[in-house]
Amino acid sequence: MLISDTPDVIRLLADPLRAQIVDLLAQGPACTCHLVADTGAKQPNVSGHLRQLRDAGLVVAEPRGRFTYYRLLPDALEAAAAHLADLAAQARANAEARREC
């Protein structure tokens, strides 16, 4: 089951570079050139990860002059966190509810 209606947020964040990009964007909007400098990754690689994050609804692109800034959308992360919290609550509540063989 997916965490959201869009591609699996948890799977996307499992990639170390995407997780690093999300961490950086949590500090505020940044353009690709900032993310390349901060991560040390190549520009096409960062752009590809940003595209996946944008397609999943985790970031939004905001053109400003010659540059495009990317901003993290906290609602998508909160929805994934809420789903994980619900799973944890279910697991806790059903920890002793074994099914008979």
Protein backbone atom coordinates (compact mmCIF):
# COMPACT_ATOMS: atom_id res chain seq x y z
CA MET A 1 0.00 0.00 0.00
CA LEU A 2 1.27 3.43 -0.87
CA ILE A 3 1.64 6.07 1.79
CA SER A 4 -0.14 8.58 -0.46
CA ASP A 5 -2.09 8.64 -3.72
CA THR A 6 1.10 9.71 -5.47
CA PRO A 7 4.30 7.64 -5.58
CA ASP A 8 5.32 6.19 -2.26
CA VAL A 9 6.79 9.01 -0.16
CA ILE A 10 8.73 6.66 2.07
CA ARG A 11 10.32 4.94 -0.93
CA LEU A 12 11.29 8.31 -2.37
CA LEU A 13 12.88 9.43 0.89
CA ALA A 14 14.83 6.17 1.18
CA ASP A 15 17.27 7.49 -1.43
CA PRO A 16 20.09 9.26 0.44
CA LEU A 17 20.42 12.14 -2.05
CA ARG A 18 16.66 12.77 -2.18
CA ALA A 19 16.55 12.69 1.62
CA GLN A 20 19.40 15.20 1.72
CA ILE A 21 17.57 17.45 -0.77
CA VAL A 22 14.42 17.30 1.37
CA ASP A 23 16.49 18.15 4.46
CA LEU A 24 17.96 21.16 2.65
CA LEU A 25 14.57 22.32 1.38
CA ALA A 26 13.17 22.08 4.92
CA GLN A 27 15.52 24.98 5.68
CA GLY A 28 13.83 27.08 2.99
CA PRO A 29 13.39 27.32 -0.79
CA ALA A 30 16.49 26.79 -2.90
CA CYS A 31 17.39 26.72 -6.56
CA THR A 32 19.15 23.84 -8.26
CA CYS A 33 22.50 25.63 -8.13
CA HIS A 34 22.25 25.85 -4.31
CA LEU A 35 21.32 22.18 -4.03
CA VAL A 36 24.19 21.15 -6.33
CA ALA A 37 26.65 23.14 -4.21
CA ASP A 38 25.25 21.85 -0.92
CA THR A 39 25.10 18.17 -1.93
CA GLY A 40 28.13 17.93 -4.20
CA ALA A 41 26.01 16.00 -6.70
CA LYS A 42 25.93 16.71 -10.43
CA GLN A 43 23.25 19.10 -11.71
CA PRO A 44 21.44 16.51 -13.91
CA ASN A 45 21.26 14.13 -10.93
CA VAL A 46 19.82 16.81 -8.62
CA SER A 47 17.35 17.88 -11.33
CA GLY A 48 16.17 14.29 -11.77
CA HIS A 49 15.58 13.88 -8.05
CA LEU A 50 13.73 17.21 -7.92
CA ARG A 51 11.50 16.05 -10.78
CA GLN A 52 10.61 12.88 -8.83
CA LEU A 53 9.90 14.88 -5.68
CA ARG A 54 7.80 17.34 -7.68
CA ASP A 55 5.86 14.52 -9.38
CA ALA A 56 5.14 13.02 -5.95
CA GLY A 57 3.79 16.34 -4.69
CA LEU A 58 6.57 16.85 -2.14
CA VAL A 59 8.03 19.99 -3.69
CA VAL A 60 6.77 22.78 -5.90
CA ALA A 61 8.79 24.72 -8.47
CA GLU A 62 8.57 28.52 -8.35
CA PRO A 63 10.16 30.43 -11.24
CA ARG A 64 11.96 33.64 -10.21
CA GLY A 65 13.67 35.42 -13.04
CA ARG A 66 16.31 33.17 -14.59
CA PHE A 67 16.12 30.68 -11.73
CA THR A 68 13.61 28.15 -10.47
CA TYR A 69 13.34 27.78 -6.73
CA TYR A 70 12.03 24.60 -5.16
CA ARG A 71 9.94 24.68 -2.00
CA LEU A 72 9.06 21.72 0.23
CA LEU A 73 5.34 21.07 0.76
CA PRO A 74 4.93 20.05 4.41
CA ASP A 75 1.40 18.65 3.97
CA ALA A 76 2.71 15.69 1.94
CA LEU A 77 5.28 14.84 4.62
CA GLU A 78 2.68 15.23 7.36
CA ALA A 79 0.32 12.86 5.53
CA ALA A 80 3.06 10.22 5.28
CA ALA A 81 3.96 10.70 8.94
CA ALA A 82 0.29 10.39 9.96
CA HIS A 83 -0.05 7.16 7.99
CA LEU A 84 3.05 5.72 9.68
CA ALA A 85 1.72 6.81 13.08
CA ASP A 86 -1.58 5.03 12.33
CA LEU A 87 0.30 1.86 11.39
CA ALA A 88 2.30 2.04 14.61
CA ALA A 89 -0.90 2.48 16.65
CA GLN A 90 -2.50 -0.52 14.92
CA ALA A 91 0.59 -2.65 15.53
CA ARG A 92 0.63 -1.64 19.20
CA ALA A 93 -3.09 -2.34 19.64
CA ASN A 94 -2.88 -5.73 17.90
CA ALA A 95 0.48 -6.91 19.27
CA GLU A 96 -1.14 -9.80 21.14
CA ALA A 97 -3.89 -10.59 18.60
CA ARG A 98 -2.39 -13.69 17.02
CA ARG A 99 -4.30 -15.52 14.35
CA GLU A 100 -4.68 -19.22 14.91
CA CYS A 101 -3.13 -21.57 12.36
